[in-house]
Amino acid sequence: MTDFFMRLPGSSPIRVRSSLMSSITWKGRQTVLRLCNGAHNQRRWMSVRPPEVASSALPRKKVTIQSLSAMKSNKTPITMITAYDYPTALACSSNPLVDMTLVGDSLAQTCLGYSSTTQLTLSEMIHHARAVARGTSHPFLVADMPFGTYHCSLSETTRNAIKLVQDGFVEGVKMEGGSELVDTVRKLTSIGIPVMAHVGLLPQRHVAMSGYKVQGRSMEGAKRLVDDAVALQEAGAFSIVLEAIPKELARYMTQILRIPTIGIGGGPWTDGQVLVWDDIMGTWSGHKAKFVRRFGDLKAERDAAVQRYAEAVKSRTFPNPDSESYGIEEAEWEKFLKEEQKQ
């Protein structure tokens, strides 16, 4: 009996000796043969293939609300990044230093080309959240409640939140606002929906606020933000985003609150930080806020790649006839041409 070779994704070829085959049952031999044949024929001739999972990678333990609370207690900074689709979710999940992913309503502008986050619908948010969920492993996954989905009756708000969790496969929802949301937060948390609060600059209300302005710079404004944050905490919020507020105020709020604070334009002393994906990668061409640091320049590389591809097509240097094209045996091609001439 001939030896067989079996190769599974992410492993080296395994020799299955004939002596082993002869010592197992007929059913066992058929199983081994199926594995060998399947491994031999598993290559798929298409431009996009499912990625092979590296068996050596040790997955990080799933991040939970409890572990986020522990990170605050241990003074371990919490890393949060927005994700809008399957690839961005995979990128976040591939790094053990990322603790949370947010399907932010900023996708209205960065992905869909809207002029404001207020134009995003619940169905659009769910569509993107489902894609992010499919690519998420260990990070705790939160999605923004779109504008208008929680500015209605409590019963309708509850239905919208349930729909986002059920259909979007997210673990928690985020809402922008202060004390006016206390009843909403209390209701949602009472039925098991984790809520992340958001105070300070509220992008969904940028028109009413006369633009994207720093909040809490006056004594009255600072006091109002503190009161709002405490009220939302007591209503059951598991965490709170502090956006565009003075760093001194953000540090004070971080000290007095029991729940983790996540800053975006709140200075370096919050429990964690969040930035928009496109700001991190340098792919956003719009206004750059003061608190944004670009950690990459993918826009330049992206534009250069498009230019190189287009030039290669126009000059007919892509695809290469040998290394990037398929062929047919000359004899078969001759037979084909002769058959065509008979037509």
C-alpha atoms as a PDB file:
ATOM      1  CA  MET A   1       0.000   0.000   0.000  1.00  0.00           C
ATOM      2  CA  THR A   2       1.281   3.479  -0.894  1.00  0.00           C
ATOM      3  CA  ASP A   3       2.081   6.152   1.703  1.00  0.00           C
ATOM      4  CA  PHE A   4      -0.167   9.237   1.723  1.00  0.00           C
ATOM      5  CA  PHE A   5       0.529  12.856   2.556  1.00  0.00           C
ATOM      6  CA  MET A   6      -2.023  14.943   4.404  1.00  0.00           C
ATOM      7  CA  ARG A   7      -1.680  18.719   4.728  1.00  0.00           C
ATOM      8  CA  LEU A   8      -4.110  20.829   6.719  1.00  0.00           C
ATOM      9  CA  PRO A   9      -4.215  24.665   6.712  1.00  0.00           C
ATOM     10  CA  GLY A  10      -1.370  26.174   8.722  1.00  0.00           C
ATOM     11  CA  SER A  11       0.562  22.881   9.067  1.00  0.00           C
ATOM     12  CA  SER A  12       3.370  21.005   7.341  1.00  0.00           C
ATOM     13  CA  PRO A  13       2.652  17.883   5.249  1.00  0.00           C
ATOM     14  CA  ILE A  14       1.953  14.797   7.364  1.00  0.00           C
ATOM     15  CA  ARG A  15       3.014  11.364   6.041  1.00  0.00           C
ATOM     16  CA  VAL A  16       0.390   8.685   6.587  1.00  0.00           C
ATOM     17  CA  ARG A  17       2.318   5.410   6.288  1.00  0.00           C
ATOM     18  CA  SER A  18       0.824   2.359   4.614  1.00  0.00           C
ATOM     19  CA  SER A  19       1.492   0.298   7.754  1.00  0.00           C
ATOM     20  CA  LEU A  20      -0.841   2.603   9.679  1.00  0.00           C
ATOM     21  CA  MET A  21      -3.496   2.388   6.969  1.00  0.00           C
ATOM     22  CA  SER A  22      -3.459  -1.385   7.083  1.00  0.00           C
ATOM     23  CA  SER A  23      -3.896  -1.421  10.855  1.00  0.00           C
ATOM     24  CA  ILE A  24      -7.078   0.679  11.010  1.00  0.00           C
ATOM     25  CA  THR A  25     -10.633  -0.132  10.030  1.00  0.00           C
ATOM     26  CA  TRP A  26     -12.042   0.363   6.557  1.00  0.00           C
ATOM     27  CA  LYS A  27     -14.090   3.333   7.802  1.00  0.00           C
ATOM     28  CA  GLY A  28     -10.976   4.890   9.324  1.00  0.00           C
ATOM     29  CA  ARG A  29      -9.064   4.469   6.053  1.00  0.00           C
ATOM     30  CA  GLN A  30     -11.843   6.264   4.169  1.00  0.00           C
ATOM     31  CA  THR A  31     -11.673   9.178   6.619  1.00  0.00           C
ATOM     32  CA  VAL A  32      -7.910   9.546   6.141  1.00  0.00           C
ATOM     33  CA  LEU A  33      -8.286   9.388   2.359  1.00  0.00           C
ATOM     34  CA  ARG A  34     -10.958  12.083   2.420  1.00  0.00           C
ATOM     35  CA  LEU A  35      -8.665  14.331   4.451  1.00  0.00           C
ATOM     36  CA  CYS A  36      -5.788  13.727   2.071  1.00  0.00           C
ATOM     37  CA  ASN A  37      -7.894  14.367  -1.030  1.00  0.00           C
ATOM     38  CA  GLY A  38      -9.539  17.404   0.541  1.00  0.00           C
ATOM     39  CA  ALA A  39      -6.175  18.891   1.442  1.00  0.00           C
ATOM     40  CA  HIS A  40      -4.883  18.189  -2.054  1.00  0.00           C
ATOM     41  CA  ASN A  41      -7.850  19.888  -3.713  1.00  0.00           C
ATOM     42  CA  GLN A  42      -8.421  22.719  -1.245  1.00  0.00           C
ATOM     43  CA  ARG A  43      -6.668  25.418  -3.269  1.00  0.00           C
ATOM     44  CA  ARG A  44      -9.265  27.784  -4.661  1.00  0.00           C
ATOM     45  CA  TRP A  45      -8.630  29.579  -7.916  1.00  0.00           C
ATOM     46  CA  MET A  46     -10.081  32.971  -7.096  1.00  0.00           C
ATOM     47  CA  SER A  47      -8.677  36.340  -6.169  1.00  0.00           C
ATOM     48  CA  VAL A  48     -10.209  36.362  -2.675  1.00  0.00           C
ATOM     49  CA  ARG A  49      -9.855  33.326  -0.421  1.00  0.00           C
ATOM     50  CA  PRO A  50     -10.728  32.717   3.223  1.00  0.00           C
ATOM     51  CA  PRO A  51      -7.588  33.481   5.262  1.00  0.00           C
ATOM     52  CA  GLU A  52      -5.687  30.657   6.868  1.00  0.00           C
ATOM     53  CA  VAL A  53      -5.719  30.952  10.639  1.00  0.00           C
ATOM     54  CA  ALA A  54      -2.290  30.732  12.243  1.00  0.00           C
ATOM     55  CA  SER A  55      -2.445  27.900  14.759  1.00  0.00           C
ATOM     56  CA  SER A  56       0.390  29.424  16.784  1.00  0.00           C
ATOM     57  CA  ALA A  57      -1.621  32.557  17.662  1.00  0.00           C
ATOM     58  CA  LEU A  58      -2.889  32.543  21.228  1.00  0.00           C
ATOM     59  CA  PRO A  59      -6.240  34.355  21.329  1.00  0.00           C
ATOM     60  CA  ARG A  60      -6.740  36.956  24.028  1.00  0.00           C
ATOM     61  CA  LYS A  61      -9.444  36.358  26.586  1.00  0.00           C
ATOM     62  CA  LYS A  62     -12.743  38.062  25.749  1.00  0.00           C
ATOM     63  CA  VAL A  63     -13.038  41.579  27.150  1.00  0.00           C
ATOM     64  CA  THR A  64     -16.081  42.057  29.379  1.00  0.00           C
ATOM     65  CA  ILE A  65     -17.611  44.876  31.400  1.00  0.00           C
ATOM     66  CA  GLN A  66     -16.032  43.326  34.474  1.00  0.00           C
ATOM     67  CA  SER A  67     -12.570  43.263  32.911  1.00  0.00           C
ATOM     68  CA  LEU A  68     -12.956  46.894  31.795  1.00  0.00           C
ATOM     69  CA  SER A  69     -13.813  47.826  35.372  1.00  0.00           C
ATOM     70  CA  ALA A  70     -10.749  45.920  36.550  1.00  0.00           C
ATOM     71  CA  MET A  71      -8.586  47.833  34.085  1.00  0.00           C
ATOM     72  CA  LYS A  72      -9.789  51.087  35.630  1.00  0.00           C
ATOM     73  CA  SER A  73      -9.006  49.790  39.116  1.00  0.00           C
ATOM     74  CA  ASN A  74      -5.565  48.616  37.998  1.00  0.00           C
ATOM     75  CA  LYS A  75      -4.947  51.873  36.109  1.00  0.00           C
ATOM     76  CA  THR A  76      -4.417  49.951  32.876  1.00  0.00           C
ATOM     77  CA  PRO A  77      -5.261  52.262  29.947  1.00  0.00           C
ATOM     78  CA  ILE A  78      -8.192  51.084  27.818  1.00  0.00           C
ATOM     79  CA  THR A  79      -7.722  51.153  24.036  1.00  0.00           C
ATOM     80  CA  MET A  80     -10.817  51.714  21.909  1.00  0.00           C
ATOM     81  CA  ILE A  81     -10.975  52.097  18.109  1.00  0.00           C
ATOM     82  CA  THR A  82     -13.883  52.607  15.747  1.00  0.00           C
ATOM     83  CA  ALA A  83     -14.521  49.854  13.207  1.00  0.00           C
ATOM     84  CA  TYR A  84     -16.933  50.021  10.305  1.00  0.00           C
ATOM     85  CA  ASP A  85     -16.696  46.705   8.450  1.00  0.00           C
ATOM     86  CA  TYR A  86     -15.211  43.207   8.490  1.00  0.00           C
ATOM     87  CA  PRO A  87     -11.617  44.211   7.534  1.00  0.00           C
ATOM     88  CA  THR A  88     -11.377  47.000  10.124  1.00  0.00           C
ATOM     89  CA  ALA A  89     -12.814  44.672  12.760  1.00  0.00           C
ATOM     90  CA  LEU A  90     -10.221  42.025  11.897  1.00  0.00           C
ATOM     91  CA  ALA A  91      -7.465  44.615  12.228  1.00  0.00           C
ATOM     92  CA  CYS A  92      -8.696  45.570  15.696  1.00  0.00           C
ATOM     93  CA  SER A  93      -9.108  41.954  16.764  1.00  0.00           C
ATOM     94  CA  SER A  94      -5.663  40.970  15.484  1.00  0.00           C
ATOM     95  CA  ASN A  95      -3.997  43.167  18.098  1.00  0.00           C
ATOM     96  CA  PRO A  96      -4.238  42.084  21.765  1.00  0.00           C
ATOM     97  CA  LEU A  97      -3.679  45.693  22.873  1.00  0.00           C
ATOM     98  CA  VAL A  98      -7.108  46.722  21.532  1.00  0.00           C
ATOM     99  CA  ASP A  99      -9.766  46.347  24.229  1.00  0.00           C
ATOM    100  CA  MET A 100     -12.926  47.766  22.655  1.00  0.00           C
ATOM    101  CA  THR A 101     -14.299  48.419  19.185  1.00  0.00           C
ATOM    102  CA  LEU A 102     -16.980  50.986  18.475  1.00  0.00           C
ATOM    103  CA  VAL A 103     -19.201  50.910  15.424  1.00  0.00           C
ATOM    104  CA  GLY A 104     -19.322  54.688  15.445  1.00  0.00           C
ATOM    105  CA  ASP A 105     -21.939  56.785  13.709  1.00  0.00           C
ATOM    106  CA  SER A 106     -18.948  58.594  12.213  1.00  0.00           C
ATOM    107  CA  LEU A 107     -19.293  55.954   9.487  1.00  0.00           C
ATOM    108  CA  ALA A 108     -21.969  58.263   8.092  1.00  0.00           C
ATOM    109  CA  GLN A 109     -19.167  60.539   6.922  1.00  0.00           C
ATOM    110  CA  THR A 110     -16.149  58.254   6.621  1.00  0.00           C
ATOM    111  CA  CYS A 111     -17.916  55.377   4.827  1.00  0.00           C
ATOM    112  CA  LEU A 112     -21.179  56.660   3.371  1.00  0.00           C
ATOM    113  CA  GLY A 113     -20.288  60.200   2.391  1.00  0.00           C
ATOM    114  CA  TYR A 114     -22.997  61.937   4.394  1.00  0.00           C
ATOM    115  CA  SER A 115     -22.332  65.467   5.584  1.00  0.00           C
ATOM    116  CA  SER A 116     -23.400  64.705   9.154  1.00  0.00           C
ATOM    117  CA  THR A 117     -23.866  61.783  11.538  1.00  0.00           C
ATOM    118  CA  THR A 118     -27.514  62.822  11.925  1.00  0.00           C
ATOM    119  CA  GLN A 119     -28.277  61.396   8.470  1.00  0.00           C
ATOM    120  CA  LEU A 120     -27.399  57.822   9.433  1.00  0.00           C
ATOM    121  CA  THR A 121     -30.336  55.413   9.792  1.00  0.00           C
ATOM    122  CA  LEU A 122     -30.762  52.470  12.140  1.00  0.00           C
ATOM    123  CA  SER A 123     -30.820  49.989   9.260  1.00  0.00           C
ATOM    124  CA  GLU A 124     -27.523  51.361   7.947  1.00  0.00           C
ATOM    125  CA  MET A 125     -25.960  51.104  11.391  1.00  0.00           C
ATOM    126  CA  ILE A 126     -27.144  47.507  11.745  1.00  0.00           C
ATOM    127  CA  HIS A 127     -25.706  46.627   8.327  1.00  0.00           C
ATOM    128  CA  HIS A 128     -22.253  47.850   9.365  1.00  0.00           C
ATOM    129  CA  ALA A 129     -22.488  46.453  12.896  1.00  0.00           C
ATOM    130  CA  ARG A 130     -23.149  42.944  11.582  1.00  0.00           C
ATOM    131  CA  ALA A 131     -20.025  43.119   9.423  1.00  0.00           C
ATOM    132  CA  VAL A 132     -17.937  44.338  12.359  1.00  0.00           C
ATOM    133  CA  ALA A 133     -19.343  41.630  14.620  1.00  0.00           C
ATOM    134  CA  ARG A 134     -18.284  38.929  12.152  1.00  0.00           C
ATOM    135  CA  GLY A 135     -14.695  40.146  12.380  1.00  0.00           C
ATOM    136  CA  THR A 136     -14.588  40.756  16.132  1.00  0.00           C
ATOM    137  CA  SER A 137     -13.007  38.314  18.566  1.00  0.00           C
ATOM    138  CA  HIS A 138     -11.791  39.559  21.955  1.00  0.00           C
ATOM    139  CA  PRO A 139     -12.694  43.298  21.928  1.00  0.00           C
ATOM    140  CA  PHE A 140     -15.881  44.397  23.660  1.00  0.00           C
ATOM    141  CA  LEU A 141     -18.189  45.562  20.866  1.00  0.00           C
ATOM    142  CA  VAL A 142     -20.338  48.694  21.167  1.00  0.00           C
ATOM    143  CA  ALA A 143     -22.415  50.520  18.550  1.00  0.00           C
ATOM    144  CA  ASP A 144     -23.733  54.068  18.464  1.00  0.00           C
ATOM    145  CA  MET A 145     -27.483  54.556  18.605  1.00  0.00           C
ATOM    146  CA  PRO A 146     -28.137  56.707  15.510  1.00  0.00           C
ATOM    147  CA  PHE A 147     -29.663  60.140  15.868  1.00  0.00           C
ATOM    148  CA  GLY A 148     -33.423  59.974  16.367  1.00  0.00           C
ATOM    149  CA  THR A 149     -33.516  56.353  17.528  1.00  0.00           C
ATOM    150  CA  TYR A 150     -33.438  57.296  21.216  1.00  0.00           C
ATOM    151  CA  HIS A 151     -34.996  60.756  21.066  1.00  0.00           C
ATOM    152  CA  CYS A 152     -38.487  59.296  21.075  1.00  0.00           C
ATOM    153  CA  SER A 153     -40.765  57.510  23.528  1.00  0.00           C
ATOM    154  CA  LEU A 154     -39.148  55.157  26.016  1.00  0.00           C
ATOM    155  CA  SER A 155     -40.925  52.159  24.501  1.00  0.00           C
ATOM    156  CA  GLU A 156     -39.775  53.010  20.972  1.00  0.00           C
ATOM    157  CA  THR A 157     -36.236  53.692  22.177  1.00  0.00           C
ATOM    158  CA  THR A 158     -36.219  50.300  23.877  1.00  0.00           C
ATOM    159  CA  ARG A 159     -37.370  48.576  20.684  1.00  0.00           C
ATOM    160  CA  ASN A 160     -34.651  50.330  18.690  1.00  0.00           C
ATOM    161  CA  ALA A 161     -31.949  49.342  21.176  1.00  0.00           C
ATOM    162  CA  ILE A 162     -33.130  45.738  21.222  1.00  0.00           C
ATOM    163  CA  LYS A 163     -33.111  45.668  17.420  1.00  0.00           C
ATOM    164  CA  LEU A 164     -29.559  47.040  17.301  1.00  0.00           C
ATOM    165  CA  VAL A 165     -28.348  44.398  19.753  1.00  0.00           C
ATOM    166  CA  GLN A 166     -30.277  41.502  18.203  1.00  0.00           C
ATOM    167  CA  ASP A 167     -29.754  42.297  14.525  1.00  0.00           C
ATOM    168  CA  GLY A 168     -26.398  44.059  14.803  1.00  0.00           C
ATOM    169  CA  PHE A 169     -24.834  41.426  17.099  1.00  0.00           C
ATOM    170  CA  VAL A 170     -23.300  44.097  19.347  1.00  0.00           C
ATOM    171  CA  GLU A 171     -22.734  43.797  23.090  1.00  0.00           C
ATOM    172  CA  GLY A 172     -23.657  47.319  24.101  1.00  0.00           C
ATOM    173  CA  VAL A 173     -25.017  50.612  22.791  1.00  0.00           C
ATOM    174  CA  LYS A 174     -23.707  54.165  23.112  1.00  0.00           C
ATOM    175  CA  MET A 175     -25.852  57.281  23.434  1.00  0.00           C
ATOM    176  CA  GLU A 176     -24.937  60.964  23.446  1.00  0.00           C
ATOM    177  CA  GLY A 177     -26.504  63.155  26.106  1.00  0.00           C
ATOM    178  CA  GLY A 178     -26.750  64.088  29.761  1.00  0.00           C
ATOM    179  CA  SER A 179     -29.290  63.846  32.546  1.00  0.00           C
ATOM    180  CA  GLU A 180     -32.178  63.800  30.066  1.00  0.00           C
ATOM    181  CA  LEU A 181     -31.171  60.214  29.223  1.00  0.00           C
ATOM    182  CA  VAL A 182     -31.254  58.903  32.795  1.00  0.00           C
ATOM    183  CA  ASP A 183     -34.624  57.155  32.419  1.00  0.00           C
ATOM    184  CA  THR A 184     -33.548  55.663  29.092  1.00  0.00           C
ATOM    185  CA  VAL A 185     -30.277  54.333  30.499  1.00  0.00           C
ATOM    186  CA  ARG A 186     -32.052  52.925  33.534  1.00  0.00           C
ATOM    187  CA  LYS A 187     -34.636  51.163  31.357  1.00  0.00           C
ATOM    188  CA  LEU A 188     -32.143  49.638  28.930  1.00  0.00           C
ATOM    189  CA  THR A 189     -29.775  48.418  31.620  1.00  0.00           C
ATOM    190  CA  SER A 190     -32.713  46.940  33.547  1.00  0.00           C
ATOM    191  CA  ILE A 191     -33.474  44.635  30.613  1.00  0.00           C
ATOM    192  CA  GLY A 192     -29.832  43.668  30.118  1.00  0.00           C
ATOM    193  CA  ILE A 193     -28.572  46.079  27.463  1.00  0.00           C
ATOM    194  CA  PRO A 194     -25.226  47.614  28.500  1.00  0.00           C
ATOM    195  CA  VAL A 195     -25.125  51.360  27.859  1.00  0.00           C
ATOM    196  CA  MET A 196     -22.056  53.512  27.271  1.00  0.00           C
ATOM    197  CA  ALA A 197     -22.748  57.173  27.979  1.00  0.00           C
ATOM    198  CA  HIS A 198     -21.240  60.132  26.098  1.00  0.00           C
ATOM    199  CA  VAL A 199     -20.965  63.696  27.409  1.00  0.00           C
ATOM    200  CA  GLY A 200     -19.095  66.838  26.409  1.00  0.00           C
ATOM    201  CA  LEU A 201     -19.111  67.595  22.710  1.00  0.00           C
ATOM    202  CA  LEU A 202     -22.072  65.759  21.184  1.00  0.00           C
ATOM    203  CA  PRO A 203     -21.568  65.457  17.402  1.00  0.00           C
ATOM    204  CA  GLN A 204     -25.214  64.517  16.850  1.00  0.00           C
ATOM    205  CA  ARG A 205     -26.161  67.940  18.266  1.00  0.00           C
ATOM    206  CA  HIS A 206     -23.482  70.002  16.541  1.00  0.00           C
ATOM    207  CA  VAL A 207     -26.058  72.288  14.921  1.00  0.00           C
ATOM    208  CA  ALA A 208     -27.722  73.118  18.239  1.00  0.00           C
ATOM    209  CA  MET A 209     -24.274  73.632  19.769  1.00  0.00           C
ATOM    210  CA  SER A 210     -23.293  76.002  16.946  1.00  0.00           C
ATOM    211  CA  GLY A 211     -20.518  73.745  15.752  1.00  0.00           C
ATOM    212  CA  TYR A 212     -17.937  71.357  17.134  1.00  0.00           C
ATOM    213  CA  LYS A 213     -16.789  73.321  20.169  1.00  0.00           C
ATOM    214  CA  VAL A 214     -14.976  72.395  23.371  1.00  0.00           C
ATOM    215  CA  GLN A 215     -17.428  71.978  26.257  1.00  0.00           C
ATOM    216  CA  GLY A 216     -17.081  72.574  30.002  1.00  0.00           C
ATOM    217  CA  ARG A 217     -14.756  75.559  29.891  1.00  0.00           C
ATOM    218  CA  SER A 218     -16.882  77.633  32.262  1.00  0.00           C
ATOM    219  CA  MET A 219     -17.616  76.859  35.904  1.00  0.00           C
ATOM    220  CA  GLU A 220     -21.281  76.302  35.075  1.00  0.00           C
ATOM    221  CA  GLY A 221     -20.490  74.133  32.072  1.00  0.00           C
ATOM    222  CA  ALA A 222     -18.010  72.001  33.995  1.00  0.00           C
ATOM    223  CA  LYS A 223     -20.474  71.523  36.862  1.00  0.00           C
ATOM    224  CA  ARG A 224     -23.205  70.489  34.437  1.00  0.00           C
ATOM    225  CA  LEU A 225     -20.976  67.856  32.814  1.00  0.00           C
ATOM    226  CA  VAL A 226     -19.997  66.411  36.202  1.00  0.00           C
ATOM    227  CA  ASP A 227     -23.640  66.256  37.293  1.00  0.00           C
ATOM    228  CA  ASP A 228     -24.630  64.591  34.015  1.00  0.00           C
ATOM    229  CA  ALA A 229     -21.851  62.005  34.252  1.00  0.00           C
ATOM    230  CA  VAL A 230     -22.700  61.091  37.843  1.00  0.00           C
ATOM    231  CA  ALA A 231     -26.404  60.805  36.995  1.00  0.00           C
ATOM    232  CA  LEU A 232     -25.691  58.527  34.025  1.00  0.00           C
ATOM    233  CA  GLN A 233     -23.398  56.387  36.162  1.00  0.00           C
ATOM    234  CA  GLU A 234     -26.076  55.992  38.818  1.00  0.00           C
ATOM    235  CA  ALA A 235     -28.616  55.107  36.116  1.00  0.00           C
ATOM    236  CA  GLY A 236     -26.451  52.123  35.160  1.00  0.00           C
ATOM    237  CA  ALA A 237     -24.049  53.187  32.401  1.00  0.00           C
ATOM    238  CA  PHE A 238     -21.012  50.869  32.391  1.00  0.00           C
ATOM    239  CA  SER A 239     -18.645  53.461  30.881  1.00  0.00           C
ATOM    240  CA  ILE A 240     -18.661  57.027  29.593  1.00  0.00           C
ATOM    241  CA  VAL A 241     -17.023  58.870  26.705  1.00  0.00           C
ATOM    242  CA  LEU A 242     -15.664  62.333  27.492  1.00  0.00           C
ATOM    243  CA  GLU A 243     -15.331  64.293  24.253  1.00  0.00           C
ATOM    244  CA  ALA A 244     -13.620  67.640  23.754  1.00  0.00           C
ATOM    245  CA  ILE A 245     -13.495  68.852  27.347  1.00  0.00           C
ATOM    246  CA  PRO A 246     -10.616  70.432  29.310  1.00  0.00           C
ATOM    247  CA  LYS A 247      -8.030  67.886  30.407  1.00  0.00           C
ATOM    248  CA  GLU A 248      -8.280  69.056  34.034  1.00  0.00           C
ATOM    249  CA  LEU A 249     -12.020  68.417  34.055  1.00  0.00           C
ATOM    250  CA  ALA A 250     -11.591  65.007  32.408  1.00  0.00           C
ATOM    251  CA  ARG A 251      -9.034  64.015  35.053  1.00  0.00           C
ATOM    252  CA  TYR A 252     -11.364  65.147  37.852  1.00  0.00           C
ATOM    253  CA  MET A 253     -14.299  63.217  36.382  1.00  0.00           C
ATOM    254  CA  THR A 254     -12.112  60.128  36.001  1.00  0.00           C
ATOM    255  CA  GLN A 255     -11.182  60.358  39.677  1.00  0.00           C
ATOM    256  CA  ILE A 256     -14.728  60.714  41.025  1.00  0.00           C
ATOM    257  CA  LEU A 257     -16.491  58.235  38.728  1.00  0.00           C
ATOM    258  CA  ARG A 258     -16.551  54.498  39.432  1.00  0.00           C
ATOM    259  CA  ILE A 259     -17.039  53.610  35.769  1.00  0.00           C
ATOM    260  CA  PRO A 260     -14.264  53.786  33.135  1.00  0.00           C
ATOM    261  CA  THR A 261     -13.887  57.076  31.277  1.00  0.00           C
ATOM    262  CA  ILE A 262     -12.876  56.994  27.616  1.00  0.00           C
ATOM    263  CA  GLY A 263     -11.435  60.216  26.286  1.00  0.00           C
ATOM    264  CA  ILE A 264     -11.522  61.666  22.810  1.00  0.00           C
ATOM    265  CA  GLY A 265     -10.128  65.142  23.147  1.00  0.00           C
ATOM    266  CA  GLY A 266     -10.183  64.811  26.931  1.00  0.00           C
ATOM    267  CA  GLY A 267      -6.466  64.775  27.628  1.00  0.00           C
ATOM    268  CA  PRO A 268      -4.151  61.966  28.759  1.00  0.00           C
ATOM    269  CA  TRP A 269      -5.603  61.202  32.207  1.00  0.00           C
ATOM    270  CA  THR A 270      -8.823  59.388  31.346  1.00  0.00           C
ATOM    271  CA  ASP A 271      -9.089  55.625  31.854  1.00  0.00           C
ATOM    272  CA  GLY A 272      -8.848  55.050  28.119  1.00  0.00           C
ATOM    273  CA  GLN A 273      -8.784  56.641  24.683  1.00  0.00           C
ATOM    274  CA  VAL A 274     -10.812  56.279  21.496  1.00  0.00           C
ATOM    275  CA  LEU A 275     -10.083  57.595  18.030  1.00  0.00           C
ATOM    276  CA  VAL A 276     -11.812  57.275  14.685  1.00  0.00           C
ATOM    277  CA  TRP A 277     -10.242  54.649  12.414  1.00  0.00           C
ATOM    278  CA  ASP A 278      -9.702  57.059   9.515  1.00  0.00           C
ATOM    279  CA  ASP A 279      -8.013  59.594  11.773  1.00  0.00           C
ATOM    280  CA  ILE A 280      -5.605  56.940  13.048  1.00  0.00           C
ATOM    281  CA  MET A 281      -4.822  55.678   9.549  1.00  0.00           C
ATOM    282  CA  GLY A 282      -4.586  59.102   7.928  1.00  0.00           C
ATOM    283  CA  THR A 283      -7.293  58.370   5.357  1.00  0.00           C
ATOM    284  CA  TRP A 284      -9.689  61.170   6.331  1.00  0.00           C
ATOM    285  CA  SER A 285      -9.405  64.247   4.124  1.00  0.00           C
ATOM    286  CA  GLY A 286     -11.731  66.464   6.139  1.00  0.00           C
ATOM    287  CA  HIS A 287     -11.070  68.694   9.121  1.00  0.00           C
ATOM    288  CA  LYS A 288      -8.439  67.435  11.567  1.00  0.00           C
ATOM    289  CA  ALA A 289      -9.358  68.127  15.190  1.00  0.00           C
ATOM    290  CA  LYS A 290      -6.657  69.253  17.620  1.00  0.00           C
ATOM    291  CA  PHE A 291      -6.854  65.984  19.576  1.00  0.00           C
ATOM    292  CA  VAL A 292      -6.274  63.797  16.505  1.00  0.00           C
ATOM    293  CA  ARG A 293      -2.886  62.187  15.983  1.00  0.00           C
ATOM    294  CA  ARG A 294      -2.380  60.358  12.708  1.00  0.00           C
ATOM    295  CA  PHE A 295      -0.482  57.141  13.327  1.00  0.00           C
ATOM    296  CA  GLY A 296      -0.282  56.215   9.645  1.00  0.00           C
ATOM    297  CA  ASP A 297      -0.468  57.688   6.153  1.00  0.00           C
ATOM    298  CA  LEU A 298      -2.538  55.092   4.355  1.00  0.00           C
ATOM    299  CA  LYS A 299      -4.153  57.706   2.126  1.00  0.00           C
ATOM    300  CA  ALA A 300      -0.857  58.450   0.405  1.00  0.00           C
ATOM    301  CA  GLU A 301      -0.098  54.765  -0.095  1.00  0.00           C
ATOM    302  CA  ARG A 302      -3.673  54.061  -1.238  1.00  0.00           C
ATOM    303  CA  ASP A 303      -3.596  56.856  -3.819  1.00  0.00           C
ATOM    304  CA  ALA A 304      -0.165  55.764  -5.029  1.00  0.00           C
ATOM    305  CA  ALA A 305      -1.362  52.173  -5.447  1.00  0.00           C
ATOM    306  CA  VAL A 306      -4.351  53.309  -7.529  1.00  0.00           C
ATOM    307  CA  GLN A 307      -1.989  55.371  -9.698  1.00  0.00           C
ATOM    308  CA  ARG A 308       0.436  52.461 -10.195  1.00  0.00           C
ATOM    309  CA  TYR A 309      -2.386  50.070 -11.087  1.00  0.00           C
ATOM    310  CA  ALA A 310      -4.003  52.470 -13.558  1.00  0.00           C
ATOM    311  CA  GLU A 311      -0.655  53.165 -15.240  1.00  0.00           C
ATOM    312  CA  ALA A 312       0.082  49.444 -15.523  1.00  0.00           C
ATOM    313  CA  VAL A 313      -3.278  48.803 -17.179  1.00  0.00           C
ATOM    314  CA  LYS A 314      -2.904  51.713 -19.602  1.00  0.00           C
ATOM    315  CA  SER A 315       0.616  50.598 -20.570  1.00  0.00           C
ATOM    316  CA  ARG A 316      -0.443  46.936 -20.842  1.00  0.00           C
ATOM    317  CA  THR A 317       2.245  45.878 -18.379  1.00  0.00           C
ATOM    318  CA  PHE A 318      -0.455  44.306 -16.207  1.00  0.00           C
ATOM    319  CA  PRO A 319      -1.157  41.476 -16.153  1.00  0.00           C
ATOM    320  CA  ASN A 320       2.115  39.724 -16.980  1.00  0.00           C
ATOM    321  CA  PRO A 321       1.416  37.021 -19.600  1.00  0.00           C
ATOM    322  CA  ASP A 322       3.521  34.464 -17.732  1.00  0.00           C
ATOM    323  CA  SER A 323       3.414  35.095 -13.994  1.00  0.00           C
ATOM    324  CA  GLU A 324      -0.080  36.602 -13.774  1.00  0.00           C
ATOM    325  CA  SER A 325      -2.015  34.744 -16.484  1.00  0.00           C
ATOM    326  CA  TYR A 326      -3.284  31.232 -17.165  1.00  0.00           C
ATOM    327  CA  GLY A 327      -2.411  29.121 -20.189  1.00  0.00           C
ATOM    328  CA  ILE A 328      -3.564  26.117 -22.170  1.00  0.00           C
ATOM    329  CA  GLU A 329      -1.544  23.257 -23.620  1.00  0.00           C
ATOM    330  CA  GLU A 330      -0.473  24.079 -27.170  1.00  0.00           C
ATOM    331  CA  ALA A 331      -1.968  20.882 -28.551  1.00  0.00           C
ATOM    332  CA  GLU A 332      -5.315  21.629 -26.961  1.00  0.00           C
ATOM    333  CA  TRP A 333      -5.213  25.158 -28.326  1.00  0.00           C
ATOM    334  CA  GLU A 334      -4.526  23.875 -31.834  1.00  0.00           C
ATOM    335  CA  LYS A 335      -7.453  21.483 -31.585  1.00  0.00           C
ATOM    336  CA  PHE A 336      -9.640  24.336 -30.423  1.00  0.00           C
ATOM    337  CA  LEU A 337      -8.634  26.523 -33.379  1.00  0.00           C
ATOM    338  CA  LYS A 338      -9.269  23.708 -35.854  1.00  0.00           C
ATOM    339  CA  GLU A 339     -12.685  23.127 -34.334  1.00  0.00           C
ATOM    340  CA  GLU A 340     -13.456  26.824 -34.607  1.00  0.00           C
ATOM    341  CA  GLN A 341     -12.498  26.836 -38.291  1.00  0.00           C
ATOM    342  CA  LYS A 342     -15.145  24.202 -38.959  1.00  0.00           C
ATOM    343  CA  GLN A 343     -17.862  26.606 -37.886  1.00  0.00           C
END
